[in-house]
Amino acid sequence: LCADFGCALDLRGLTQEQTAQLSPDAYAF
């Protein structure tokens, strides 16, 4: 969706446990 909108990814409000499911190589927390 961000690509369609022409904006950078900005996702807020995740818990620390949720961020652990996402790749630290791909995302900055």
mmCIF file of all heavy atoms, coordinates in Angstrom:
data_MODEL
# 
_entry.id   MODEL 
# 
loop_
_atom_site.group_PDB 
_atom_site.id 
_atom_site.type_symbol 
_atom_site.label_atom_id 
_atom_site.label_alt_id 
_atom_site.label_comp_id 
_atom_site.label_asym_id 
_atom_site.label_entity_id 
_atom_site.label_seq_id 
_atom_site.pdbx_PDB_ins_code 
_atom_site.Cartn_x 
_atom_site.Cartn_y 
_atom_site.Cartn_z 
_atom_site.occupancy 
_atom_site.B_iso_or_equiv 
_atom_site.pdbx_formal_charge 
_atom_site.auth_seq_id 
_atom_site.auth_comp_id 
_atom_site.auth_asym_id 
_atom_site.auth_atom_id 
_atom_site.pdbx_PDB_model_num 
ATOM 1   N N   . LEU A 1 1  ? 0.830  -1.208  0.000  1.00 0.00 ? 1  LEU A N   1 
ATOM 2   C CA  . LEU A 1 1  ? 0.000  0.000   0.000  1.00 0.00 ? 1  LEU A CA  1 
ATOM 3   C C   . LEU A 1 1  ? 0.861  1.253   0.000  1.00 0.00 ? 1  LEU A C   1 
ATOM 4   O O   . LEU A 1 1  ? 0.567  2.226   -0.702 1.00 0.00 ? 1  LEU A O   1 
ATOM 5   C CB  . LEU A 1 1  ? -0.915 0.003   1.233  1.00 0.00 ? 1  LEU A CB  1 
ATOM 6   C CG  . LEU A 1 1  ? -2.126 -0.921  1.183  1.00 0.00 ? 1  LEU A CG  1 
ATOM 7   C CD1 . LEU A 1 1  ? -2.765 -1.022  2.561  1.00 0.00 ? 1  LEU A CD1 1 
ATOM 8   C CD2 . LEU A 1 1  ? -3.152 -0.409  0.172  1.00 0.00 ? 1  LEU A CD2 1 
ATOM 9   N N   . CYS A 1 2  ? 1.926  1.233   0.796  1.00 0.00 ? 2  CYS A N   1 
ATOM 10  C CA  . CYS A 1 2  ? 2.817  2.392   0.836  1.00 0.00 ? 2  CYS A CA  1 
ATOM 11  C C   . CYS A 1 2  ? 3.426  2.656   -0.535 1.00 0.00 ? 2  CYS A C   1 
ATOM 12  O O   . CYS A 1 2  ? 3.591  3.818   -0.943 1.00 0.00 ? 2  CYS A O   1 
ATOM 13  C CB  . CYS A 1 2  ? 3.909  2.184   1.888  1.00 0.00 ? 2  CYS A CB  1 
ATOM 14  S SG  . CYS A 1 2  ? 3.298  2.206   3.593  1.00 0.00 ? 2  CYS A SG  1 
ATOM 15  N N   . ALA A 1 3  ? 3.751  1.582   -1.240 1.00 0.00 ? 3  ALA A N   1 
ATOM 16  C CA  . ALA A 1 3  ? 4.276  1.757   -2.603 1.00 0.00 ? 3  ALA A CA  1 
ATOM 17  C C   . ALA A 1 3  ? 3.222  2.387   -3.500 1.00 0.00 ? 3  ALA A C   1 
ATOM 18  O O   . ALA A 1 3  ? 3.510  3.282   -4.301 1.00 0.00 ? 3  ALA A O   1 
ATOM 19  C CB  . ALA A 1 3  ? 4.720  0.407   -3.158 1.00 0.00 ? 3  ALA A CB  1 
ATOM 20  N N   . ASP A 1 4  ? 1.967  1.928   -3.362 1.00 0.00 ? 4  ASP A N   1 
ATOM 21  C CA  . ASP A 1 4  ? 0.883  2.510   -4.154 1.00 0.00 ? 4  ASP A CA  1 
ATOM 22  C C   . ASP A 1 4  ? 0.664  3.981   -3.800 1.00 0.00 ? 4  ASP A C   1 
ATOM 23  O O   . ASP A 1 4  ? 0.389  4.808   -4.678 1.00 0.00 ? 4  ASP A O   1 
ATOM 24  C CB  . ASP A 1 4  ? -0.426 1.746   -3.909 1.00 0.00 ? 4  ASP A CB  1 
ATOM 25  C CG  . ASP A 1 4  ? -0.398 0.353   -4.510 1.00 0.00 ? 4  ASP A CG  1 
ATOM 26  O OD1 . ASP A 1 4  ? 0.497  0.085   -5.341 1.00 0.00 ? 4  ASP A OD1 1 
ATOM 27  O OD2 . ASP A 1 4  ? -1.274 -0.456  -4.151 1.00 0.00 ? 4  ASP A OD2 1 
ATOM 28  N N   . PHE A 1 5  ? 0.768  4.297   -2.509 1.00 0.00 ? 5  PHE A N   1 
ATOM 29  C CA  . PHE A 1 5  ? 0.535  5.664   -2.046 1.00 0.00 ? 5  PHE A CA  1 
ATOM 30  C C   . PHE A 1 5  ? 1.718  6.587   -2.313 1.00 0.00 ? 5  PHE A C   1 
ATOM 31  O O   . PHE A 1 5  ? 1.596  7.809   -2.232 1.00 0.00 ? 5  PHE A O   1 
ATOM 32  C CB  . PHE A 1 5  ? 0.250  5.679   -0.535 1.00 0.00 ? 5  PHE A CB  1 
ATOM 33  C CG  . PHE A 1 5  ? -1.010 4.969   -0.125 1.00 0.00 ? 5  PHE A CG  1 
ATOM 34  C CD1 . PHE A 1 5  ? -1.197 4.613   1.207  1.00 0.00 ? 5  PHE A CD1 1 
ATOM 35  C CD2 . PHE A 1 5  ? -1.998 4.667   -1.037 1.00 0.00 ? 5  PHE A CD2 1 
ATOM 36  C CE1 . PHE A 1 5  ? -2.356 3.962   1.604  1.00 0.00 ? 5  PHE A CE1 1 
ATOM 37  C CE2 . PHE A 1 5  ? -3.157 4.014   -0.649 1.00 0.00 ? 5  PHE A CE2 1 
ATOM 38  C CZ  . PHE A 1 5  ? -3.343 3.653   0.672  1.00 0.00 ? 5  PHE A CZ  1 
ATOM 39  N N   . GLY A 1 6  ? 2.885  5.992   -2.595 1.00 0.00 ? 6  GLY A N   1 
ATOM 40  C CA  . GLY A 1 6  ? 4.080  6.799   -2.791 1.00 0.00 ? 6  GLY A CA  1 
ATOM 41  C C   . GLY A 1 6  ? 4.643  7.343   -1.491 1.00 0.00 ? 6  GLY A C   1 
ATOM 42  O O   . GLY A 1 6  ? 5.185  8.450   -1.451 1.00 0.00 ? 6  GLY A O   1 
ATOM 43  N N   . CYS A 1 7  ? 4.532  6.547   -0.426 1.00 0.00 ? 7  CYS A N   1 
ATOM 44  C CA  . CYS A 1 7  ? 5.030  7.000   0.884  1.00 0.00 ? 7  CYS A CA  1 
ATOM 45  C C   . CYS A 1 7  ? 5.897  5.912   1.498  1.00 0.00 ? 7  CYS A C   1 
ATOM 46  O O   . CYS A 1 7  ? 5.860  4.745   1.088  1.00 0.00 ? 7  CYS A O   1 
ATOM 47  C CB  . CYS A 1 7  ? 3.874  7.340   1.812  1.00 0.00 ? 7  CYS A CB  1 
ATOM 48  S SG  . CYS A 1 7  ? 2.841  5.926   2.266  1.00 0.00 ? 7  CYS A SG  1 
ATOM 49  N N   . ALA A 1 8  ? 6.694  6.280   2.482  1.00 0.00 ? 8  ALA A N   1 
ATOM 50  C CA  . ALA A 1 8  ? 7.532  5.319   3.190  1.00 0.00 ? 8  ALA A CA  1 
ATOM 51  C C   . ALA A 1 8  ? 6.707  4.567   4.224  1.00 0.00 ? 8  ALA A C   1 
ATOM 52  O O   . ALA A 1 8  ? 5.712  5.080   4.743  1.00 0.00 ? 8  ALA A O   1 
ATOM 53  C CB  . ALA A 1 8  ? 8.690  6.046   3.874  1.00 0.00 ? 8  ALA A CB  1 
ATOM 54  N N   . LEU A 1 9  ? 7.114  3.348   4.535  1.00 0.00 ? 9  LEU A N   1 
ATOM 55  C CA  . LEU A 1 9  ? 6.450  2.561   5.568  1.00 0.00 ? 9  LEU A CA  1 
ATOM 56  C C   . LEU A 1 9  ? 6.595  3.259   6.916  1.00 0.00 ? 9  LEU A C   1 
ATOM 57  O O   . LEU A 1 9  ? 7.693  3.608   7.340  1.00 0.00 ? 9  LEU A O   1 
ATOM 58  C CB  . LEU A 1 9  ? 7.074  1.161   5.643  1.00 0.00 ? 9  LEU A CB  1 
ATOM 59  C CG  . LEU A 1 9  ? 6.601  0.280   6.805  1.00 0.00 ? 9  LEU A CG  1 
ATOM 60  C CD1 . LEU A 1 9  ? 5.135  -0.101  6.632  1.00 0.00 ? 9  LEU A CD1 1 
ATOM 61  C CD2 . LEU A 1 9  ? 7.471  -0.976  6.911  1.00 0.00 ? 9  LEU A CD2 1 
ATOM 62  N N   . ASP A 1 10 ? 5.464  3.470   7.596  1.00 0.00 ? 10 ASP A N   1 
ATOM 63  C CA  . ASP A 1 10 ? 5.456  4.039   8.944  1.00 0.00 ? 10 ASP A CA  1 
ATOM 64  C C   . ASP A 1 10 ? 4.340  3.339   9.716  1.00 0.00 ? 10 ASP A C   1 
ATOM 65  O O   . ASP A 1 10 ? 3.173  3.709   9.630  1.00 0.00 ? 10 ASP A O   1 
ATOM 66  C CB  . ASP A 1 10 ? 5.226  5.551   8.900  1.00 0.00 ? 10 ASP A CB  1 
ATOM 67  C CG  . ASP A 1 10 ? 5.502  6.223   10.236 1.00 0.00 ? 10 ASP A CG  1 
ATOM 68  O OD1 . ASP A 1 10 ? 5.680  5.508   11.241 1.00 0.00 ? 10 ASP A OD1 1 
ATOM 69  O OD2 . ASP A 1 10 ? 5.524  7.470   10.287 1.00 0.00 ? 10 ASP A OD2 1 
ATOM 70  N N   . LEU A 1 11 ? 4.721  2.292   10.440 1.00 0.00 ? 11 LEU A N   1 
ATOM 71  C CA  . LEU A 1 11 ? 3.785  1.469   11.201 1.00 0.00 ? 11 LEU A CA  1 
ATOM 72  C C   . LEU A 1 11 ? 4.072  1.688   12.677 1.00 0.00 ? 11 LEU A C   1 
ATOM 73  O O   . LEU A 1 11 ? 5.199  1.477   13.128 1.00 0.00 ? 11 LEU A O   1 
ATOM 74  C CB  . LEU A 1 11 ? 3.965  0.002   10.811 1.00 0.00 ? 11 LEU A CB  1 
ATOM 75  C CG  . LEU A 1 11 ? 3.241  -1.068  11.634 1.00 0.00 ? 11 LEU A CG  1 
ATOM 76  C CD1 . LEU A 1 11 ? 1.740  -0.871  11.583 1.00 0.00 ? 11 LEU A CD1 1 
ATOM 77  C CD2 . LEU A 1 11 ? 3.626  -2.454  11.126 1.00 0.00 ? 11 LEU A CD2 1 
ATOM 78  N N   . ARG A 1 12 ? 3.059  2.085   13.441 1.00 0.00 ? 12 ARG A N   1 
ATOM 79  C CA  . ARG A 1 12 ? 3.295  2.451   14.840 1.00 0.00 ? 12 ARG A CA  1 
ATOM 80  C C   . ARG A 1 12 ? 2.406  1.638   15.783 1.00 0.00 ? 12 ARG A C   1 
ATOM 81  O O   . ARG A 1 12 ? 1.320  1.222   15.417 1.00 0.00 ? 12 ARG A O   1 
ATOM 82  C CB  . ARG A 1 12 ? 3.022  3.944   15.048 1.00 0.00 ? 12 ARG A CB  1 
ATOM 83  C CG  . ARG A 1 12 ? 3.806  4.841   14.109 1.00 0.00 ? 12 ARG A CG  1 
ATOM 84  C CD  . ARG A 1 12 ? 3.641  6.305   14.439 1.00 0.00 ? 12 ARG A CD  1 
ATOM 85  N NE  . ARG A 1 12 ? 4.235  7.149   13.407 1.00 0.00 ? 12 ARG A NE  1 
ATOM 86  C CZ  . ARG A 1 12 ? 4.349  8.472   13.500 1.00 0.00 ? 12 ARG A CZ  1 
ATOM 87  N NH1 . ARG A 1 12 ? 3.893  9.122   14.564 1.00 0.00 ? 12 ARG A NH1 1 
ATOM 88  N NH2 . ARG A 1 12 ? 4.908  9.167   12.520 1.00 0.00 ? 12 ARG A NH2 1 
ATOM 89  N N   . GLY A 1 13 ? 2.918  1.435   17.003 1.00 0.00 ? 13 GLY A N   1 
ATOM 90  C CA  . GLY A 1 13 ? 2.124  0.819   18.050 1.00 0.00 ? 13 GLY A CA  1 
ATOM 91  C C   . GLY A 1 13 ? 2.343  -0.662  18.253 1.00 0.00 ? 13 GLY A C   1 
ATOM 92  O O   . GLY A 1 13 ? 1.607  -1.297  19.008 1.00 0.00 ? 13 GLY A O   1 
ATOM 93  N N   . LEU A 1 14 ? 3.361  -1.252  17.617 1.00 0.00 ? 14 LEU A N   1 
ATOM 94  C CA  . LEU A 1 14 ? 3.619  -2.666  17.814 1.00 0.00 ? 14 LEU A CA  1 
ATOM 95  C C   . LEU A 1 14 ? 4.288  -2.908  19.167 1.00 0.00 ? 14 LEU A C   1 
ATOM 96  O O   . LEU A 1 14 ? 5.018  -2.063  19.681 1.00 0.00 ? 14 LEU A O   1 
ATOM 97  C CB  . LEU A 1 14 ? 4.524  -3.220  16.713 1.00 0.00 ? 14 LEU A CB  1 
ATOM 98  C CG  . LEU A 1 14 ? 3.979  -3.269  15.289 1.00 0.00 ? 14 LEU A CG  1 
ATOM 99  C CD1 . LEU A 1 14 ? 4.923  -4.076  14.406 1.00 0.00 ? 14 LEU A CD1 1 
ATOM 100 C CD2 . LEU A 1 14 ? 2.578  -3.835  15.219 1.00 0.00 ? 14 LEU A CD2 1 
ATOM 101 N N   . THR A 1 15 ? 4.055  -4.074  19.735 1.00 0.00 ? 15 THR A N   1 
ATOM 102 C CA  . THR A 1 15 ? 4.744  -4.459  20.959 1.00 0.00 ? 15 THR A CA  1 
ATOM 103 C C   . THR A 1 15 ? 6.128  -5.007  20.610 1.00 0.00 ? 15 THR A C   1 
ATOM 104 O O   . THR A 1 15 ? 6.414  -5.345  19.453 1.00 0.00 ? 15 THR A O   1 
ATOM 105 C CB  . THR A 1 15 ? 3.958  -5.540  21.711 1.00 0.00 ? 15 THR A CB  1 
ATOM 106 O OG1 . THR A 1 15 ? 3.907  -6.729  20.894 1.00 0.00 ? 15 THR A OG1 1 
ATOM 107 C CG2 . THR A 1 15 ? 2.539  -5.070  22.014 1.00 0.00 ? 15 THR A CG2 1 
ATOM 108 N N   . GLN A 1 16 ? 6.957  -5.138  21.625 1.00 0.00 ? 16 GLN A N   1 
ATOM 109 C CA  . GLN A 1 16 ? 8.286  -5.694  21.398 1.00 0.00 ? 16 GLN A CA  1 
ATOM 110 C C   . GLN A 1 16 ? 8.186  -7.129  20.892 1.00 0.00 ? 16 GLN A C   1 
ATOM 111 O O   . GLN A 1 16 ? 8.970  -7.548  20.020 1.00 0.00 ? 16 GLN A O   1 
ATOM 112 C CB  . GLN A 1 16 ? 9.097  -5.648  22.691 1.00 0.00 ? 16 GLN A CB  1 
ATOM 113 C CG  . GLN A 1 16 ? 10.551 -6.047  22.520 1.00 0.00 ? 16 GLN A CG  1 
ATOM 114 C CD  . GLN A 1 16 ? 11.371 -5.813  23.773 1.00 0.00 ? 16 GLN A CD  1 
ATOM 115 O OE1 . GLN A 1 16 ? 10.828 -5.806  24.882 1.00 0.00 ? 16 GLN A OE1 1 
ATOM 116 N NE2 . GLN A 1 16 ? 12.653 -5.608  23.615 1.00 0.00 ? 16 GLN A NE2 1 
ATOM 117 N N   . GLU A 1 17 ? 7.208  -7.881  21.412 1.00 0.00 ? 17 GLU A N   1 
ATOM 118 C CA  . GLU A 1 17 ? 7.028  -9.265  20.971 1.00 0.00 ? 17 GLU A CA  1 
ATOM 119 C C   . GLU A 1 17 ? 6.644  -9.319  19.490 1.00 0.00 ? 17 GLU A C   1 
ATOM 120 O O   . GLU A 1 17 ? 7.073  -10.219 18.758 1.00 0.00 ? 17 GLU A O   1 
ATOM 121 C CB  . GLU A 1 17 ? 5.950  -9.951  21.815 1.00 0.00 ? 17 GLU A CB  1 
ATOM 122 C CG  . GLU A 1 17 ? 6.333  -10.214 23.256 1.00 0.00 ? 17 GLU A CG  1 
ATOM 123 C CD  . GLU A 1 17 ? 6.308  -8.961  24.126 1.00 0.00 ? 17 GLU A CD  1 
ATOM 124 O OE1 . GLU A 1 17 ? 5.725  -7.940  23.688 1.00 0.00 ? 17 GLU A OE1 1 
ATOM 125 O OE2 . GLU A 1 17 ? 6.875  -9.009  25.227 1.00 0.00 ? 17 GLU A OE2 1 
ATOM 126 N N   . GLN A 1 18 ? 5.869  -8.360  19.037 1.00 0.00 ? 18 GLN A N   1 
ATOM 127 C CA  . GLN A 1 18 ? 5.495  -8.332  17.628 1.00 0.00 ? 18 GLN A CA  1 
ATOM 128 C C   . GLN A 1 18 ? 6.683  -7.989  16.737 1.00 0.00 ? 18 GLN A C   1 
ATOM 129 O O   . GLN A 1 18 ? 6.854  -8.571  15.663 1.00 0.00 ? 18 GLN A O   1 
ATOM 130 C CB  . GLN A 1 18 ? 4.363  -7.332  17.404 1.00 0.00 ? 18 GLN A CB  1 
ATOM 131 C CG  . GLN A 1 18 ? 3.013  -7.809  17.917 1.00 0.00 ? 18 GLN A CG  1 
ATOM 132 C CD  . GLN A 1 18 ? 1.955  -6.750  17.786 1.00 0.00 ? 18 GLN A CD  1 
ATOM 133 O OE1 . GLN A 1 18 ? 2.142  -5.595  18.186 1.00 0.00 ? 18 GLN A OE1 1 
ATOM 134 N NE2 . GLN A 1 18 ? 0.818  -7.120  17.220 1.00 0.00 ? 18 GLN A NE2 1 
ATOM 135 N N   . THR A 1 19 ? 7.512  -7.062  17.166 1.00 0.00 ? 19 THR A N   1 
ATOM 136 C CA  . THR A 1 19 ? 8.671  -6.708  16.341 1.00 0.00 ? 19 THR A CA  1 
ATOM 137 C C   . THR A 1 19 ? 9.619  -7.892  16.187 1.00 0.00 ? 19 THR A C   1 
ATOM 138 O O   . THR A 1 19 ? 10.337 -7.997  15.185 1.00 0.00 ? 19 THR A O   1 
ATOM 139 C CB  . THR A 1 19 ? 9.447  -5.511  16.923 1.00 0.00 ? 19 THR A CB  1 
ATOM 140 O OG1 . THR A 1 19 ? 9.977  -5.851  18.217 1.00 0.00 ? 19 THR A OG1 1 
ATOM 141 C CG2 . THR A 1 19 ? 8.552  -4.289  17.053 1.00 0.00 ? 19 THR A CG2 1 
ATOM 142 N N   . ALA A 1 20 ? 9.621  -8.791  17.169 1.00 0.00 ? 20 ALA A N   1 
ATOM 143 C CA  . ALA A 1 20 ? 10.493 -9.973  17.091 1.00 0.00 ? 20 ALA A CA  1 
ATOM 144 C C   . ALA A 1 20 ? 10.087 -10.899 15.956 1.00 0.00 ? 20 ALA A C   1 
ATOM 145 O O   . ALA A 1 20 ? 10.886 -11.746 15.523 1.00 0.00 ? 20 ALA A O   1 
ATOM 146 C CB  . ALA A 1 20 ? 10.473 -10.726 18.422 1.00 0.00 ? 20 ALA A CB  1 
ATOM 147 N N   . GLN A 1 21 ? 8.867  -10.754 15.442 1.00 0.00 ? 21 GLN A N   1 
ATOM 148 C CA  . GLN A 1 21 ? 8.410  -11.578 14.320 1.00 0.00 ? 21 GLN A CA  1 
ATOM 149 C C   . GLN A 1 21 ? 8.889  -11.018 12.973 1.00 0.00 ? 21 GLN A C   1 
ATOM 150 O O   . GLN A 1 21 ? 8.785  -11.701 11.949 1.00 0.00 ? 21 GLN A O   1 
ATOM 151 C CB  . GLN A 1 21 ? 6.887  -11.649 14.311 1.00 0.00 ? 21 GLN A CB  1 
ATOM 152 C CG  . GLN A 1 21 ? 6.280  -12.311 15.541 1.00 0.00 ? 21 GLN A CG  1 
ATOM 153 C CD  . GLN A 1 21 ? 4.770  -12.360 15.438 1.00 0.00 ? 21 GLN A CD  1 
ATOM 154 O OE1 . GLN A 1 21 ? 4.204  -12.768 14.427 1.00 0.00 ? 21 GLN A OE1 1 
ATOM 155 N NE2 . GLN A 1 21 ? 4.089  -11.918 16.489 1.00 0.00 ? 21 GLN A NE2 1 
ATOM 156 N N   . LEU A 1 22 ? 9.389  -9.805  12.980 1.00 0.00 ? 22 LEU A N   1 
ATOM 157 C CA  . LEU A 1 22 ? 9.801  -9.149  11.744 1.00 0.00 ? 22 LEU A CA  1 
ATOM 158 C C   . LEU A 1 22 ? 11.323 -9.158  11.625 1.00 0.00 ? 22 LEU A C   1 
ATOM 159 O O   . LEU A 1 22 ? 12.040 -9.057  12.617 1.00 0.00 ? 22 LEU A O   1 
ATOM 160 C CB  . LEU A 1 22 ? 9.274  -7.709  11.713 1.00 0.00 ? 22 LEU A CB  1 
ATOM 161 C CG  . LEU A 1 22 ? 7.757  -7.547  11.845 1.00 0.00 ? 22 LEU A CG  1 
ATOM 162 C CD1 . LEU A 1 22 ? 7.384  -6.068  11.927 1.00 0.00 ? 22 LEU A CD1 1 
ATOM 163 C CD2 . LEU A 1 22 ? 7.038  -8.217  10.686 1.00 0.00 ? 22 LEU A CD2 1 
ATOM 164 N N   . SER A 1 23 ? 11.806 -9.240  10.414 1.00 0.00 ? 23 SER A N   1 
ATOM 165 C CA  . SER A 1 23 ? 13.250 -9.363  10.179 1.00 0.00 ? 23 SER A CA  1 
ATOM 166 C C   . SER A 1 23 ? 13.986 -8.071  10.522 1.00 0.00 ? 23 SER A C   1 
ATOM 167 O O   . SER A 1 23 ? 13.687 -7.009  9.947  1.00 0.00 ? 23 SER A O   1 
ATOM 168 C CB  . SER A 1 23 ? 13.503 -9.714  8.712  1.00 0.00 ? 23 SER A CB  1 
ATOM 169 O OG  . SER A 1 23 ? 14.882 -9.596  8.414  1.00 0.00 ? 23 SER A OG  1 
ATOM 170 N N   . PRO A 1 24 ? 14.972 -8.131  11.411 1.00 0.00 ? 24 PRO A N   1 
ATOM 171 C CA  . PRO A 1 24 ? 15.768 -6.939  11.710 1.00 0.00 ? 24 PRO A CA  1 
ATOM 172 C C   . PRO A 1 24 ? 16.653 -6.519  10.548 1.00 0.00 ? 24 PRO A C   1 
ATOM 173 O O   . PRO A 1 24 ? 17.164 -5.398  10.525 1.00 0.00 ? 24 PRO A O   1 
ATOM 174 C CB  . PRO A 1 24 ? 16.604 -7.367  12.926 1.00 0.00 ? 24 PRO A CB  1 
ATOM 175 C CG  . PRO A 1 24 ? 16.685 -8.853  12.824 1.00 0.00 ? 24 PRO A CG  1 
ATOM 176 C CD  . PRO A 1 24 ? 15.398 -9.306  12.219 1.00 0.00 ? 24 PRO A CD  1 
ATOM 177 N N   . ASP A 1 25 ? 16.843 -7.417  9.582  1.00 0.00 ? 25 ASP A N   1 
ATOM 178 C CA  . ASP A 1 25 ? 17.614 -7.059  8.387  1.00 0.00 ? 25 ASP A CA  1 
ATOM 179 C C   . ASP A 1 25 ? 16.799 -6.182  7.449  1.00 0.00 ? 25 ASP A C   1 
ATOM 180 O O   . ASP A 1 25 ? 17.364 -5.398  6.674  1.00 0.00 ? 25 ASP A O   1 
ATOM 181 C CB  . ASP A 1 25 ? 18.056 -8.319  7.653  1.00 0.00 ? 25 ASP A CB  1 
ATOM 182 C CG  . ASP A 1 25 ? 19.020 -9.156  8.470  1.00 0.00 ? 25 ASP A CG  1 
ATOM 183 O OD1 . ASP A 1 25 ? 19.811 -8.573  9.238  1.00 0.00 ? 25 ASP A OD1 1 
ATOM 184 O OD2 . ASP A 1 25 ? 18.953 -10.390 8.367  1.00 0.00 ? 25 ASP A OD2 1 
ATOM 185 N N   . ALA A 1 26 ? 15.465 -6.330  7.514  1.00 0.00 ? 26 ALA A N   1 
ATOM 186 C CA  . ALA A 1 26 ? 14.594 -5.587  6.601  1.00 0.00 ? 26 ALA A CA  1 
ATOM 187 C C   . ALA A 1 26 ? 13.984 -4.344  7.237  1.00 0.00 ? 26 ALA A C   1 
ATOM 188 O O   . ALA A 1 26 ? 13.687 -3.369  6.537  1.00 0.00 ? 26 ALA A O   1 
ATOM 189 C CB  . ALA A 1 26 ? 13.476 -6.501  6.094  1.00 0.00 ? 26 ALA A CB  1 
ATOM 190 N N   . TYR A 1 27 ? 13.815 -4.380  8.564  1.00 0.00 ? 27 TYR A N   1 
ATOM 191 C CA  . TYR A 1 27 ? 13.077 -3.304  9.226  1.00 0.00 ? 27 TYR A CA  1 
ATOM 192 C C   . TYR A 1 27 ? 13.889 -2.680  10.352 1.00 0.00 ? 27 TYR A C   1 
ATOM 193 O O   . TYR A 1 27 ? 14.705 -3.342  11.010 1.00 0.00 ? 27 TYR A O   1 
ATOM 194 C CB  . TYR A 1 27 ? 11.766 -3.837  9.810  1.00 0.00 ? 27 TYR A CB  1 
ATOM 195 C CG  . TYR A 1 27 ? 10.859 -4.475  8.785  1.00 0.00 ? 27 TYR A CG  1 
ATOM 196 C CD1 . TYR A 1 27 ? 10.783 -5.864  8.665  1.00 0.00 ? 27 TYR A CD1 1 
ATOM 197 C CD2 . TYR A 1 27 ? 10.096 -3.696  7.927  1.00 0.00 ? 27 TYR A CD2 1 
ATOM 198 C CE1 . TYR A 1 27 ? 9.961  -6.457  7.724  1.00 0.00 ? 27 TYR A CE1 1 
ATOM 199 C CE2 . TYR A 1 27 ? 9.266  -4.282  6.978  1.00 0.00 ? 27 TYR A CE2 1 
ATOM 200 C CZ  . TYR A 1 27 ? 9.207  -5.659  6.885  1.00 0.00 ? 27 TYR A CZ  1 
ATOM 201 O OH  . TYR A 1 27 ? 8.387  -6.234  5.949  1.00 0.00 ? 27 TYR A OH  1 
ATOM 202 N N   . ALA A 1 28 ? 13.632 -1.397  10.566 1.00 0.00 ? 28 ALA A N   1 
ATOM 203 C CA  . ALA A 1 28 ? 14.221 -0.672  11.695 1.00 0.00 ? 28 ALA A CA  1 
ATOM 204 C C   . ALA A 1 28 ? 13.124 -0.409  12.714 1.00 0.00 ? 28 ALA A C   1 
ATOM 205 O O   . ALA A 1 28 ? 12.012 -0.005  12.354 1.00 0.00 ? 28 ALA A O   1 
ATOM 206 C CB  . ALA A 1 28 ? 14.830 0.644   11.224 1.00 0.00 ? 28 ALA A CB  1 
ATOM 207 N N   . PHE A 1 29 ? 13.436 -0.637  13.987 1.00 0.00 ? 29 PHE A N   1 
ATOM 208 C CA  . PHE A 1 29 ? 12.471 -0.477  15.066 1.00 0.00 ? 29 PHE A CA  1 
ATOM 209 C C   . PHE A 1 29 ? 12.941 0.605   16.029 1.00 0.00 ? 29 PHE A C   1 
ATOM 210 O O   . PHE A 1 29 ? 14.123 0.696   16.356 1.00 0.00 ? 29 PHE A O   1 
ATOM 211 C CB  . PHE A 1 29 ? 12.299 -1.790  15.834 1.00 0.00 ? 29 PHE A CB  1 
ATOM 212 C CG  . PHE A 1 29 ? 12.097 -2.993  14.955 1.00 0.00 ? 29 PHE A CG  1 
ATOM 213 C CD1 . PHE A 1 29 ? 13.081 -3.968  14.857 1.00 0.00 ? 29 PHE A CD1 1 
ATOM 214 C CD2 . PHE A 1 29 ? 10.942 -3.134  14.212 1.00 0.00 ? 29 PHE A CD2 1 
ATOM 215 C CE1 . PHE A 1 29 ? 12.907 -5.080  14.044 1.00 0.00 ? 29 PHE A CE1 1 
ATOM 216 C CE2 . PHE A 1 29 ? 10.754 -4.235  13.391 1.00 0.00 ? 29 PHE A CE2 1 
ATOM 217 C CZ  . PHE A 1 29 ? 11.739 -5.210  13.308 1.00 0.00 ? 29 PHE A CZ  1 
# 
